[in-house]
Amino acid sequence: MAGISKGAAGEVLAARFLRDNGYEVLAGNYHSRFGEIDIIAADDEYIVFVEVKSRSENSYYLPREAVTAEKQRRIIKTALYYIAHNPDPRQMRFDVIEVVTAKGEPMKALDLRHIQNAYGG
């Protein structure tokens, strides 16, 4: 995967993590007029809208700090749009997966944290 961006690598690592932990990945990079959702996944109880944030190990701030209130609003609107077009009986949940990678090696995760129910109520 030479030349893969840090963001794309983080999404690949996050999707792999979700699958390894029993989630079914339903969509990736889902777009609507309101915004974009990195990963839509589900387990038996929840349909999960996941924002993935990646940073290299020398970053001055945590990846989750980039999920601002405005970003959250856009994701929630996009999730509601998705559900309107893809009805699902499961409860909605908004998660953040933050990936910290080795400097210059975007596919080498040093830390991956799955923050469940990170926002949205």
PDB file of N, CA and C in Angstrom:
ATOM      1  N   MET A   1       0.820  -1.187   0.000  1.00  0.00           N
ATOM      2  CA  MET A   1       0.000   0.000   0.000  1.00  0.00           C
ATOM      3  C   MET A   1       0.864   1.251   0.000  1.00  0.00           C
ATOM      4  N   ALA A   2       1.829   1.271  -0.840  1.00  0.00           N
ATOM      5  CA  ALA A   2       2.709   2.424  -0.910  1.00  0.00           C
ATOM      6  C   ALA A   2       1.920   3.656  -1.306  1.00  0.00           C
ATOM      7  N   GLY A   3       2.204   4.755  -0.634  1.00  0.00           N
ATOM      8  CA  GLY A   3       1.579   6.009  -0.975  1.00  0.00           C
ATOM      9  C   GLY A   3       0.193   6.216  -0.394  1.00  0.00           C
ATOM     10  N   ILE A   4      -0.274   5.343   0.467  1.00  0.00           N
ATOM     11  CA  ILE A   4      -1.590   5.507   1.064  1.00  0.00           C
ATOM     12  C   ILE A   4      -1.562   6.671   2.051  1.00  0.00           C
ATOM     13  N   SER A   5      -2.617   7.473   2.036  1.00  0.00           N
ATOM     14  CA  SER A   5      -2.667   8.623   2.942  1.00  0.00           C
ATOM     15  C   SER A   5      -2.923   8.163   4.368  1.00  0.00           C
ATOM     16  N   LYS A   6      -2.572   9.023   5.293  1.00  0.00           N
ATOM     17  CA  LYS A   6      -2.782   8.733   6.715  1.00  0.00           C
ATOM     18  C   LYS A   6      -4.266   8.505   6.995  1.00  0.00           C
ATOM     19  N   GLY A   7      -5.138   9.333   6.402  1.00  0.00           N
ATOM     20  CA  GLY A   7      -6.574   9.196   6.612  1.00  0.00           C
ATOM     21  C   GLY A   7      -7.121   7.897   6.056  1.00  0.00           C
ATOM     22  N   ALA A   8      -6.728   7.560   4.832  1.00  0.00           N
ATOM     23  CA  ALA A   8      -7.195   6.310   4.217  1.00  0.00           C
ATOM     24  C   ALA A   8      -6.685   5.104   4.991  1.00  0.00           C
ATOM     25  N   ALA A   9      -5.433   5.171   5.431  1.00  0.00           N
ATOM     26  CA  ALA A   9      -4.872   4.068   6.218  1.00  0.00           C
ATOM     27  C   ALA A   9      -5.637   3.907   7.524  1.00  0.00           C
ATOM     28  N   GLY A  10      -5.969   5.007   8.177  1.00  0.00           N
ATOM     29  CA  GLY A  10      -6.728   4.950   9.415  1.00  0.00           C
ATOM     30  C   GLY A  10      -8.088   4.304   9.214  1.00  0.00           C
ATOM     31  N   GLU A  11      -8.731   4.609   8.098  1.00  0.00           N
ATOM     32  CA  GLU A  11     -10.033   4.020   7.812  1.00  0.00           C
ATOM     33  C   GLU A  11      -9.914   2.518   7.555  1.00  0.00           C
ATOM     34  N   VAL A  12      -8.871   2.101   6.866  1.00  0.00           N
ATOM     35  CA  VAL A  12      -8.637   0.670   6.635  1.00  0.00           C
ATOM     36  C   VAL A  12      -8.411  -0.038   7.972  1.00  0.00           C
ATOM     37  N   LEU A  13      -7.563   0.537   8.811  1.00  0.00           N
ATOM     38  CA  LEU A  13      -7.276  -0.062  10.115  1.00  0.00           C
ATOM     39  C   LEU A  13      -8.525  -0.100  10.995  1.00  0.00           C
ATOM     40  N   ALA A  14      -9.326   0.962  10.951  1.00  0.00           N
ATOM     41  CA  ALA A  14     -10.553   1.020  11.762  1.00  0.00           C
ATOM     42  C   ALA A  14     -11.562  -0.022  11.284  1.00  0.00           C
ATOM     43  N   ALA A  15     -11.735  -0.155   9.973  1.00  0.00           N
ATOM     44  CA  ALA A  15     -12.675  -1.151   9.432  1.00  0.00           C
ATOM     45  C   ALA A  15     -12.225  -2.557   9.811  1.00  0.00           C
ATOM     46  N   ARG A  16     -10.942  -2.807   9.733  1.00  0.00           N
ATOM     47  CA  ARG A  16     -10.404  -4.114  10.137  1.00  0.00           C
ATOM     48  C   ARG A  16     -10.682  -4.373  11.616  1.00  0.00           C
ATOM     49  N   PHE A  17     -10.451  -3.368  12.446  1.00  0.00           N
ATOM     50  CA  PHE A  17     -10.715  -3.480  13.875  1.00  0.00           C
ATOM     51  C   PHE A  17     -12.186  -3.810  14.134  1.00  0.00           C
ATOM     52  N   LEU A  18     -13.072  -3.089  13.468  1.00  0.00           N
ATOM     53  CA  LEU A  18     -14.507  -3.328  13.659  1.00  0.00           C
ATOM     54  C   LEU A  18     -14.886  -4.753  13.264  1.00  0.00           C
ATOM     55  N   ARG A  19     -14.416  -5.195  12.111  1.00  0.00           N
ATOM     56  CA  ARG A  19     -14.718  -6.575  11.670  1.00  0.00           C
ATOM     57  C   ARG A  19     -14.173  -7.596  12.668  1.00  0.00           C
ATOM     58  N   ASP A  20     -12.958  -7.371  13.132  1.00  0.00           N
ATOM     59  CA  ASP A  20     -12.345  -8.290  14.099  1.00  0.00           C
ATOM     60  C   ASP A  20     -13.092  -8.324  15.429  1.00  0.00           C
ATOM     61  N   ASN A  21     -13.901  -7.297  15.682  1.00  0.00           N
ATOM     62  CA  ASN A  21     -14.642  -7.215  16.934  1.00  0.00           C
ATOM     63  C   ASN A  21     -16.144  -7.435  16.740  1.00  0.00           C
ATOM     64  N   GLY A  22     -16.499  -8.129  15.671  1.00  0.00           N
ATOM     65  CA  GLY A  22     -17.866  -8.591  15.501  1.00  0.00           C
ATOM     66  C   GLY A  22     -18.832  -7.668  14.793  1.00  0.00           C
ATOM     67  N   TYR A  23     -18.337  -6.572  14.248  1.00  0.00           N
ATOM     68  CA  TYR A  23     -19.207  -5.662  13.508  1.00  0.00           C
ATOM     69  C   TYR A  23     -19.227  -6.041  12.033  1.00  0.00           C
ATOM     70  N   GLU A  24     -20.350  -5.778  11.393  1.00  0.00           N
ATOM     71  CA  GLU A  24     -20.450  -5.871   9.941  1.00  0.00           C
ATOM     72  C   GLU A  24     -20.307  -4.457   9.395  1.00  0.00           C
ATOM     73  N   VAL A  25     -19.385  -4.260   8.477  1.00  0.00           N
ATOM     74  CA  VAL A  25     -19.218  -2.945   7.862  1.00  0.00           C
ATOM     75  C   VAL A  25     -20.233  -2.848   6.717  1.00  0.00           C
ATOM     76  N   LEU A  26     -21.147  -1.888   6.849  1.00  0.00           N
ATOM     77  CA  LEU A  26     -22.213  -1.716   5.865  1.00  0.00           C
ATOM     78  C   LEU A  26     -21.842  -0.756   4.749  1.00  0.00           C
ATOM     79  N   ALA A  27     -21.035   0.257   5.075  1.00  0.00           N
ATOM     80  CA  ALA A  27     -20.647   1.256   4.067  1.00  0.00           C
ATOM     81  C   ALA A  27     -19.394   1.972   4.527  1.00  0.00           C
ATOM     82  N   GLY A  28     -18.672   2.463   3.561  1.00  0.00           N
ATOM     83  CA  GLY A  28     -17.493   3.278   3.827  1.00  0.00           C
ATOM     84  C   GLY A  28     -17.569   4.552   3.019  1.00  0.00           C
ATOM     85  N   ASN A  29     -17.142   5.651   3.604  1.00  0.00           N
ATOM     86  CA  ASN A  29     -17.150   6.958   2.940  1.00  0.00           C
ATOM     87  C   ASN A  29     -18.519   7.273   2.343  1.00  0.00           C
ATOM     88  N   TYR A  30     -19.531   7.160   3.167  1.00  0.00           N
ATOM     89  CA  TYR A  30     -20.907   7.440   2.747  1.00  0.00           C
ATOM     90  C   TYR A  30     -21.120   8.950   2.684  1.00  0.00           C
ATOM     91  N   HIS A  31     -21.576   9.431   1.535  1.00  0.00           N
ATOM     92  CA  HIS A  31     -21.763  10.866   1.315  1.00  0.00           C
ATOM     93  C   HIS A  31     -23.239  11.216   1.159  1.00  0.00           C
ATOM     94  N   SER A  32     -23.595  12.363   1.677  1.00  0.00           N
ATOM     95  CA  SER A  32     -24.888  12.971   1.409  1.00  0.00           C
ATOM     96  C   SER A  32     -24.635  14.463   1.209  1.00  0.00           C
ATOM     97  N   ARG A  33     -25.684  15.201   0.942  1.00  0.00           N
ATOM     98  CA  ARG A  33     -25.509  16.646   0.786  1.00  0.00           C
ATOM     99  C   ARG A  33     -25.117  17.320   2.103  1.00  0.00           C
ATOM    100  N   PHE A  34     -25.289  16.609   3.208  1.00  0.00           N
ATOM    101  CA  PHE A  34     -24.980  17.167   4.522  1.00  0.00           C
ATOM    102  C   PHE A  34     -23.540  16.934   4.954  1.00  0.00           C
ATOM    103  N   GLY A  35     -22.940  15.870   4.434  1.00  0.00           N
ATOM    104  CA  GLY A  35     -21.581  15.554   4.843  1.00  0.00           C
ATOM    105  C   GLY A  35     -21.211  14.127   4.499  1.00  0.00           C
ATOM    106  N   GLU A  36     -20.238  13.606   5.223  1.00  0.00           N
ATOM    107  CA  GLU A  36     -19.689  12.281   4.943  1.00  0.00           C
ATOM    108  C   GLU A  36     -19.486  11.531   6.249  1.00  0.00           C
ATOM    109  N   ILE A  37     -19.712  10.225   6.183  1.00  0.00           N
ATOM    110  CA  ILE A  37     -19.456   9.340   7.315  1.00  0.00           C
ATOM    111  C   ILE A  37     -18.391   8.355   6.880  1.00  0.00           C
ATOM    112  N   ASP A  38     -17.341   8.222   7.680  1.00  0.00           N
ATOM    113  CA  ASP A  38     -16.227   7.357   7.298  1.00  0.00           C
ATOM    114  C   ASP A  38     -16.640   5.895   7.202  1.00  0.00           C
ATOM    115  N   ILE A  39     -17.299   5.392   8.240  1.00  0.00           N
ATOM    116  CA  ILE A  39     -17.699   3.975   8.262  1.00  0.00           C
ATOM    117  C   ILE A  39     -19.084   3.870   8.892  1.00  0.00           C
ATOM    118  N   ILE A  40     -19.931   3.071   8.264  1.00  0.00           N
ATOM    119  CA  ILE A  40     -21.207   2.700   8.865  1.00  0.00           C
ATOM    120  C   ILE A  40     -21.116   1.203   9.118  1.00  0.00           C
ATOM    121  N   ALA A  41     -21.291   0.816  10.361  1.00  0.00           N
ATOM    122  CA  ALA A  41     -21.148  -0.584  10.762  1.00  0.00           C
ATOM    123  C   ALA A  41     -22.325  -0.967  11.647  1.00  0.00           C
ATOM    124  N   ALA A  42     -22.471  -2.252  11.896  1.00  0.00           N
ATOM    125  CA  ALA A  42     -23.574  -2.710  12.734  1.00  0.00           C
ATOM    126  C   ALA A  42     -23.189  -3.978  13.478  1.00  0.00           C
ATOM    127  N   ASP A  43     -23.803  -4.107  14.652  1.00  0.00           N
ATOM    128  CA  ASP A  43     -23.769  -5.371  15.383  1.00  0.00           C
ATOM    129  C   ASP A  43     -25.226  -5.738  15.637  1.00  0.00           C
ATOM    130  N   ASP A  44     -25.493  -6.658  16.520  1.00  0.00           N
ATOM    131  CA  ASP A  44     -26.869  -7.099  16.741  1.00  0.00           C
ATOM    132  C   ASP A  44     -27.767  -5.994  17.284  1.00  0.00           C
ATOM    133  N   GLU A  45     -27.199  -5.067  18.047  1.00  0.00           N
ATOM    134  CA  GLU A  45     -27.993  -4.058  18.741  1.00  0.00           C
ATOM    135  C   GLU A  45     -27.956  -2.672  18.104  1.00  0.00           C
ATOM    136  N   TYR A  46     -26.818  -2.298  17.515  1.00  0.00           N
ATOM    137  CA  TYR A  46     -26.615  -0.928  17.052  1.00  0.00           C
ATOM    138  C   TYR A  46     -26.243  -0.845  15.578  1.00  0.00           C
ATOM    139  N   ILE A  47     -26.686   0.248  14.952  1.00  0.00           N
ATOM    140  CA  ILE A  47     -26.082   0.690  13.701  1.00  0.00           C
ATOM    141  C   ILE A  47     -25.185   1.852  14.110  1.00  0.00           C
ATOM    142  N   VAL A  48     -23.929   1.758  13.752  1.00  0.00           N
ATOM    143  CA  VAL A  48     -22.910   2.656  14.286  1.00  0.00           C
ATOM    144  C   VAL A  48     -22.331   3.521  13.173  1.00  0.00           C
ATOM    145  N   PHE A  49     -22.339   4.815  13.416  1.00  0.00           N
ATOM    146  CA  PHE A  49     -21.780   5.783  12.479  1.00  0.00           C
ATOM    147  C   PHE A  49     -20.437   6.217  13.052  1.00  0.00           C
ATOM    148  N   VAL A  50     -19.377   5.869  12.338  1.00  0.00           N
ATOM    149  CA  VAL A  50     -18.023   5.992  12.884  1.00  0.00           C
ATOM    150  C   VAL A  50     -17.241   7.083  12.155  1.00  0.00           C
ATOM    151  N   GLU A  51     -16.710   7.999  12.931  1.00  0.00           N
ATOM    152  CA  GLU A  51     -15.767   8.982  12.423  1.00  0.00           C
ATOM    153  C   GLU A  51     -14.374   8.489  12.797  1.00  0.00           C
ATOM    154  N   VAL A  52     -13.506   8.379  11.805  1.00  0.00           N
ATOM    155  CA  VAL A  52     -12.141   7.907  12.030  1.00  0.00           C
ATOM    156  C   VAL A  52     -11.202   9.105  11.947  1.00  0.00           C
ATOM    157  N   LYS A  53     -10.369   9.251  12.946  1.00  0.00           N
ATOM    158  CA  LYS A  53      -9.368  10.314  12.955  1.00  0.00           C
ATOM    159  C   LYS A  53      -8.001   9.702  13.192  1.00  0.00           C
ATOM    160  N   SER A  54      -7.072  10.058  12.330  1.00  0.00           N
ATOM    161  CA  SER A  54      -5.717   9.509  12.401  1.00  0.00           C
ATOM    162  C   SER A  54      -4.707  10.628  12.587  1.00  0.00           C
ATOM    163  N   ARG A  55      -3.703  10.329  13.366  1.00  0.00           N
ATOM    164  CA  ARG A  55      -2.586  11.246  13.572  1.00  0.00           C
ATOM    165  C   ARG A  55      -1.316  10.417  13.692  1.00  0.00           C
ATOM    166  N   SER A  56      -0.199  11.031  13.368  1.00  0.00           N
ATOM    167  CA  SER A  56       1.066  10.324  13.567  1.00  0.00           C
ATOM    168  C   SER A  56       1.498  10.525  15.018  1.00  0.00           C
ATOM    169  N   GLU A  57       2.420   9.713  15.441  1.00  0.00           N
ATOM    170  CA  GLU A  57       2.817   9.654  16.847  1.00  0.00           C
ATOM    171  C   GLU A  57       3.348  10.966  17.406  1.00  0.00           C
ATOM    172  N   ASN A  58       3.780  11.863  16.568  1.00  0.00           N
ATOM    173  CA  ASN A  58       4.351  13.116  17.057  1.00  0.00           C
ATOM    174  C   ASN A  58       3.353  14.269  17.036  1.00  0.00           C
ATOM    175  N   SER A  59       2.077  13.974  16.894  1.00  0.00           N
ATOM    176  CA  SER A  59       1.052  15.006  16.845  1.00  0.00           C
ATOM    177  C   SER A  59       0.915  15.698  18.205  1.00  0.00           C
ATOM    178  N   TYR A  60       0.536  16.967  18.158  1.00  0.00           N
ATOM    179  CA  TYR A  60       0.401  17.747  19.387  1.00  0.00           C
ATOM    180  C   TYR A  60      -0.964  17.609  20.043  1.00  0.00           C
ATOM    181  N   TYR A  61      -1.905  16.967  19.363  1.00  0.00           N
ATOM    182  CA  TYR A  61      -3.224  16.807  19.951  1.00  0.00           C
ATOM    183  C   TYR A  61      -3.787  15.433  19.629  1.00  0.00           C
ATOM    184  N   LEU A  62      -4.789  15.033  20.381  1.00  0.00           N
ATOM    185  CA  LEU A  62      -5.419  13.732  20.186  1.00  0.00           C
ATOM    186  C   LEU A  62      -6.296  13.749  18.940  1.00  0.00           C
ATOM    187  N   PRO A  63      -6.356  12.657  18.223  1.00  0.00           N
ATOM    188  CA  PRO A  63      -7.192  12.619  17.018  1.00  0.00           C
ATOM    189  C   PRO A  63      -8.647  12.994  17.292  1.00  0.00           C
ATOM    190  N   ARG A  64      -9.208  12.548  18.415  1.00  0.00           N
ATOM    191  CA  ARG A  64     -10.629  12.816  18.714  1.00  0.00           C
ATOM    192  C   ARG A  64     -10.932  14.299  18.834  1.00  0.00           C
ATOM    193  N   GLU A  65      -9.914  15.112  19.117  1.00  0.00           N
ATOM    194  CA  GLU A  65     -10.134  16.548  19.261  1.00  0.00           C
ATOM    195  C   GLU A  65     -10.532  17.213  17.948  1.00  0.00           C
ATOM    196  N   ALA A  66     -10.340  16.523  16.842  1.00  0.00           N
ATOM    197  CA  ALA A  66     -10.710  17.061  15.530  1.00  0.00           C
ATOM    198  C   ALA A  66     -12.190  16.841  15.205  1.00  0.00           C
ATOM    199  N   VAL A  67     -12.902  16.131  16.060  1.00  0.00           N
ATOM    200  CA  VAL A  67     -14.337  15.896  15.840  1.00  0.00           C
ATOM    201  C   VAL A  67     -15.086  17.011  16.567  1.00  0.00           C
ATOM    202  N   THR A  68     -15.178  18.139  15.900  1.00  0.00           N
ATOM    203  CA  THR A  68     -15.779  19.334  16.479  1.00  0.00           C
ATOM    204  C   THR A  68     -17.300  19.214  16.545  1.00  0.00           C
ATOM    205  N   ALA A  69     -17.920  20.148  17.254  1.00  0.00           N
ATOM    206  CA  ALA A  69     -19.386  20.167  17.347  1.00  0.00           C
ATOM    207  C   ALA A  69     -20.013  20.302  15.957  1.00  0.00           C
ATOM    208  N   GLU A  70     -19.449  21.123  15.103  1.00  0.00           N
ATOM    209  CA  GLU A  70     -19.981  21.274  13.736  1.00  0.00           C
ATOM    210  C   GLU A  70     -19.836  19.970  12.954  1.00  0.00           C
ATOM    211  N   LYS A  71     -18.710  19.313  13.081  1.00  0.00           N
ATOM    212  CA  LYS A  71     -18.506  18.021  12.414  1.00  0.00           C
ATOM    213  C   LYS A  71     -19.534  17.008  12.920  1.00  0.00           C
ATOM    214  N   GLN A  72     -19.772  16.991  14.210  1.00  0.00           N
ATOM    215  CA  GLN A  72     -20.764  16.092  14.792  1.00  0.00           C
ATOM    216  C   GLN A  72     -22.148  16.362  14.208  1.00  0.00           C
ATOM    217  N   ARG A  73     -22.532  17.633  14.090  1.00  0.00           N
ATOM    218  CA  ARG A  73     -23.843  17.979  13.518  1.00  0.00           C
ATOM    219  C   ARG A  73     -23.977  17.467  12.086  1.00  0.00           C
ATOM    220  N   ARG A  74     -22.923  17.621  11.292  1.00  0.00           N
ATOM    221  CA  ARG A  74     -22.967  17.150   9.900  1.00  0.00           C
ATOM    222  C   ARG A  74     -23.085  15.626   9.843  1.00  0.00           C
ATOM    223  N   ILE A  75     -22.368  14.941  10.719  1.00  0.00           N
ATOM    224  CA  ILE A  75     -22.436  13.474  10.746  1.00  0.00           C
ATOM    225  C   ILE A  75     -23.835  13.016  11.168  1.00  0.00           C
ATOM    226  N   ILE A  76     -24.403  13.661  12.171  1.00  0.00           N
ATOM    227  CA  ILE A  76     -25.748  13.286  12.627  1.00  0.00           C
ATOM    228  C   ILE A  76     -26.768  13.495  11.502  1.00  0.00           C
ATOM    229  N   LYS A  77     -26.698  14.620  10.802  1.00  0.00           N
ATOM    230  CA  LYS A  77     -27.612  14.865   9.681  1.00  0.00           C
ATOM    231  C   LYS A  77     -27.430  13.812   8.590  1.00  0.00           C
ATOM    232  N   THR A  78     -26.193  13.469   8.302  1.00  0.00           N
ATOM    233  CA  THR A  78     -25.921  12.460   7.283  1.00  0.00           C
ATOM    234  C   THR A  78     -26.427  11.098   7.728  1.00  0.00           C
ATOM    235  N   ALA A  79     -26.283  10.779   9.005  1.00  0.00           N
ATOM    236  CA  ALA A  79     -26.790   9.509   9.539  1.00  0.00           C
ATOM    237  C   ALA A  79     -28.314   9.444   9.423  1.00  0.00           C
ATOM    238  N   LEU A  80     -28.986  10.531   9.735  1.00  0.00           N
ATOM    239  CA  LEU A  80     -30.442  10.564   9.613  1.00  0.00           C
ATOM    240  C   LEU A  80     -30.870  10.392   8.152  1.00  0.00           C
ATOM    241  N   TYR A  81     -30.117  10.997   7.245  1.00  0.00           N
ATOM    242  CA  TYR A  81     -30.378  10.820   5.811  1.00  0.00           C
ATOM    243  C   TYR A  81     -30.200   9.348   5.421  1.00  0.00           C
ATOM    244  N   TYR A  82     -29.119   8.735   5.915  1.00  0.00           N
ATOM    245  CA  TYR A  82     -28.864   7.320   5.621  1.00  0.00           C
ATOM    246  C   TYR A  82     -30.019   6.453   6.113  1.00  0.00           C
ATOM    247  N   ILE A  83     -30.454   6.668   7.347  1.00  0.00           N
ATOM    248  CA  ILE A  83     -31.531   5.872   7.928  1.00  0.00           C
ATOM    249  C   ILE A  83     -32.847   6.095   7.168  1.00  0.00           C
ATOM    250  N   ALA A  84     -33.091   7.321   6.716  1.00  0.00           N
ATOM    251  CA  ALA A  84     -34.308   7.594   5.946  1.00  0.00           C
ATOM    252  C   ALA A  84     -34.335   6.794   4.649  1.00  0.00           C
ATOM    253  N   HIS A  85     -33.161   6.551   4.071  1.00  0.00           N
ATOM    254  CA  HIS A  85     -33.066   5.821   2.810  1.00  0.00           C
ATOM    255  C   HIS A  85     -32.726   4.343   2.990  1.00  0.00           C
ATOM    256  N   ASN A  86     -32.313   3.971   4.184  1.00  0.00           N
ATOM    257  CA  ASN A  86     -31.950   2.588   4.510  1.00  0.00           C
ATOM    258  C   ASN A  86     -32.486   2.258   5.893  1.00  0.00           C
ATOM    259  N   PRO A  87     -33.800   2.120   6.027  1.00  0.00           N
ATOM    260  CA  PRO A  87     -34.375   1.894   7.362  1.00  0.00           C
ATOM    261  C   PRO A  87     -33.717   0.712   8.072  1.00  0.00           C
ATOM    262  N   ASP A  88     -33.508   0.895   9.367  1.00  0.00           N
ATOM    263  CA  ASP A  88     -32.843  -0.125  10.162  1.00  0.00           C
ATOM    264  C   ASP A  88     -33.442  -0.104  11.563  1.00  0.00           C
ATOM    265  N   PRO A  89     -33.845  -1.245  12.091  1.00  0.00           N
ATOM    266  CA  PRO A  89     -34.491  -1.262  13.410  1.00  0.00           C
ATOM    267  C   PRO A  89     -33.530  -1.080  14.580  1.00  0.00           C
ATOM    268  N   ARG A  90     -32.247  -1.186  14.322  1.00  0.00           N
ATOM    269  CA  ARG A  90     -31.281  -1.076  15.418  1.00  0.00           C
ATOM    270  C   ARG A  90     -31.158   0.361  15.907  1.00  0.00           C
ATOM    271  N   GLN A  91     -30.726   0.503  17.124  1.00  0.00           N
ATOM    272  CA  GLN A  91     -30.497   1.812  17.726  1.00  0.00           C
ATOM    273  C   GLN A  91     -29.267   2.457  17.081  1.00  0.00           C
ATOM    274  N   MET A  92     -29.332   3.760  16.856  1.00  0.00           N
ATOM    275  CA  MET A  92     -28.202   4.483  16.280  1.00  0.00           C
ATOM    276  C   MET A  92     -27.188   4.820  17.372  1.00  0.00           C
ATOM    277  N   ARG A  93     -25.907   4.782  16.985  1.00  0.00           N
ATOM    278  CA  ARG A  93     -24.841   5.177  17.904  1.00  0.00           C
ATOM    279  C   ARG A  93     -23.756   5.884  17.103  1.00  0.00           C
ATOM    280  N   PHE A  94     -23.126   6.870  17.717  1.00  0.00           N
ATOM    281  CA  PHE A  94     -22.072   7.641  17.062  1.00  0.00           C
ATOM    282  C   PHE A  94     -20.759   7.408  17.794  1.00  0.00           C
ATOM    283  N   ASP A  95     -19.820   6.796  17.092  1.00  0.00           N
ATOM    284  CA  ASP A  95     -18.530   6.438  17.664  1.00  0.00           C
ATOM    285  C   ASP A  95     -17.404   7.199  16.970  1.00  0.00           C
ATOM    286  N   VAL A  96     -16.289   7.269  17.647  1.00  0.00           N
ATOM    287  CA  VAL A  96     -15.052   7.790  17.075  1.00  0.00           C
ATOM    288  C   VAL A  96     -13.998   6.708  17.241  1.00  0.00           C
ATOM    289  N   ILE A  97     -13.261   6.462  16.186  1.00  0.00           N
ATOM    290  CA  ILE A  97     -12.078   5.597  16.292  1.00  0.00           C
ATOM    291  C   ILE A  97     -10.885   6.482  15.995  1.00  0.00           C
ATOM    292  N   GLU A  98      -9.990   6.546  16.971  1.00  0.00           N
ATOM    293  CA  GLU A  98      -8.782   7.330  16.759  1.00  0.00           C
ATOM    294  C   GLU A  98      -7.601   6.387  16.588  1.00  0.00           C
ATOM    295  N   VAL A  99      -6.806   6.718  15.588  1.00  0.00           N
ATOM    296  CA  VAL A  99      -5.668   5.879  15.226  1.00  0.00           C
ATOM    297  C   VAL A  99      -4.404   6.735  15.306  1.00  0.00           C
ATOM    298  N   VAL A 100      -3.443   6.260  16.065  1.00  0.00           N
ATOM    299  CA  VAL A 100      -2.139   6.916  16.131  1.00  0.00           C
ATOM    300  C   VAL A 100      -1.157   5.982  15.431  1.00  0.00           C
ATOM    301  N   THR A 101      -0.495   6.505  14.411  1.00  0.00           N
ATOM    302  CA  THR A 101       0.396   5.686  13.594  1.00  0.00           C
ATOM    303  C   THR A 101       1.851   6.096  13.780  1.00  0.00           C
ATOM    304  N   ALA A 102       2.712   5.196  13.389  1.00  0.00           N
ATOM    305  CA  ALA A 102       4.147   5.484  13.415  1.00  0.00           C
ATOM    306  C   ALA A 102       4.453   6.560  12.378  1.00  0.00           C
ATOM    307  N   LYS A 103       5.353   7.440  12.706  1.00  0.00           N
ATOM    308  CA  LYS A 103       5.725   8.523  11.791  1.00  0.00           C
ATOM    309  C   LYS A 103       6.212   7.938  10.470  1.00  0.00           C
ATOM    310  N   GLY A 104       5.588   8.363   9.380  1.00  0.00           N
ATOM    311  CA  GLY A 104       5.974   7.907   8.048  1.00  0.00           C
ATOM    312  C   GLY A 104       5.472   6.518   7.685  1.00  0.00           C
ATOM    313  N   GLU A 105       4.723   5.863   8.580  1.00  0.00           N
ATOM    314  CA  GLU A 105       4.196   4.513   8.325  1.00  0.00           C
ATOM    315  C   GLU A 105       2.699   4.487   8.652  1.00  0.00           C
ATOM    316  N   PRO A 106       1.861   4.995   7.744  1.00  0.00           N
ATOM    317  CA  PRO A 106       0.444   5.140   8.057  1.00  0.00           C
ATOM    318  C   PRO A 106      -0.301   3.831   8.316  1.00  0.00           C
ATOM    319  N   MET A 107       0.234   2.693   7.893  1.00  0.00           N
ATOM    320  CA  MET A 107      -0.432   1.415   8.149  1.00  0.00           C
ATOM    321  C   MET A 107       0.065   0.739   9.423  1.00  0.00           C
ATOM    322  N   LYS A 108       0.958   1.397  10.149  1.00  0.00           N
ATOM    323  CA  LYS A 108       1.469   0.831  11.399  1.00  0.00           C
ATOM    324  C   LYS A 108       0.814   1.563  12.570  1.00  0.00           C
ATOM    325  N   ALA A 109      -0.243   0.957  13.100  1.00  0.00           N
ATOM    326  CA  ALA A 109      -0.967   1.567  14.223  1.00  0.00           C
ATOM    327  C   ALA A 109      -0.213   1.326  15.520  1.00  0.00           C
ATOM    328  N   LEU A 110       0.116   2.400  16.207  1.00  0.00           N
ATOM    329  CA  LEU A 110       0.724   2.309  17.526  1.00  0.00           C
ATOM    330  C   LEU A 110      -0.357   2.265  18.605  1.00  0.00           C
ATOM    331  N   ASP A 111      -1.488   2.889  18.302  1.00  0.00           N
ATOM    332  CA  ASP A 111      -2.610   2.909  19.232  1.00  0.00           C
ATOM    333  C   ASP A 111      -3.888   3.082  18.418  1.00  0.00           C
ATOM    334  N   LEU A 112      -4.910   2.326  18.783  1.00  0.00           N
ATOM    335  CA  LEU A 112      -6.220   2.456  18.157  1.00  0.00           C
ATOM    336  C   LEU A 112      -7.244   2.407  19.278  1.00  0.00           C
ATOM    337  N   ARG A 113      -8.041   3.458  19.383  1.00  0.00           N
ATOM    338  CA  ARG A 113      -9.043   3.543  20.447  1.00  0.00           C
ATOM    339  C   ARG A 113     -10.427   3.686  19.834  1.00  0.00           C
ATOM    340  N   HIS A 114     -11.315   2.844  20.284  1.00  0.00           N
ATOM    341  CA  HIS A 114     -12.713   2.868  19.843  1.00  0.00           C
ATOM    342  C   HIS A 114     -13.519   3.533  20.959  1.00  0.00           C
ATOM    343  N   ILE A 115     -13.979   4.736  20.694  1.00  0.00           N
ATOM    344  CA  ILE A 115     -14.745   5.501  21.672  1.00  0.00           C
ATOM    345  C   ILE A 115     -16.220   5.358  21.294  1.00  0.00           C
ATOM    346  N   GLN A 116     -16.903   4.495  22.029  1.00  0.00           N
ATOM    347  CA  GLN A 116     -18.313   4.248  21.751  1.00  0.00           C
ATOM    348  C   GLN A 116     -19.181   5.357  22.317  1.00  0.00           C
ATOM    349  N   ASN A 117     -20.258   5.652  21.583  1.00  0.00           N
ATOM    350  CA  ASN A 117     -21.216   6.676  22.010  1.00  0.00           C
ATOM    351  C   ASN A 117     -20.496   7.986  22.348  1.00  0.00           C
ATOM    352  N   ALA A 118     -19.635   8.414  21.434  1.00  0.00           N
ATOM    353  CA  ALA A 118     -18.775   9.575  21.664  1.00  0.00           C
ATOM    354  C   ALA A 118     -19.565  10.888  21.711  1.00  0.00           C
ATOM    355  N   TYR A 119     -20.713  10.928  21.046  1.00  0.00           N
ATOM    356  CA  TYR A 119     -21.552  12.139  21.018  1.00  0.00           C
ATOM    357  C   TYR A 119     -22.930  11.754  20.505  1.00  0.00           C
ATOM    358  N   GLY A 120     -23.821  12.706  20.486  1.00  0.00           N
ATOM    359  CA  GLY A 120     -25.128  12.494  19.889  1.00  0.00           C
ATOM    360  C   GLY A 120     -26.189  11.981  20.844  1.00  0.00           C
ATOM    361  N   GLY A 121     -25.884  11.939  22.118  1.00  0.00           N
ATOM    362  CA  GLY A 121     -26.928  11.609  23.066  1.00  0.00           C
ATOM    363  C   GLY A 121     -26.826  10.305  23.663  1.00  0.00           C
TER     364      GLY A 121
END
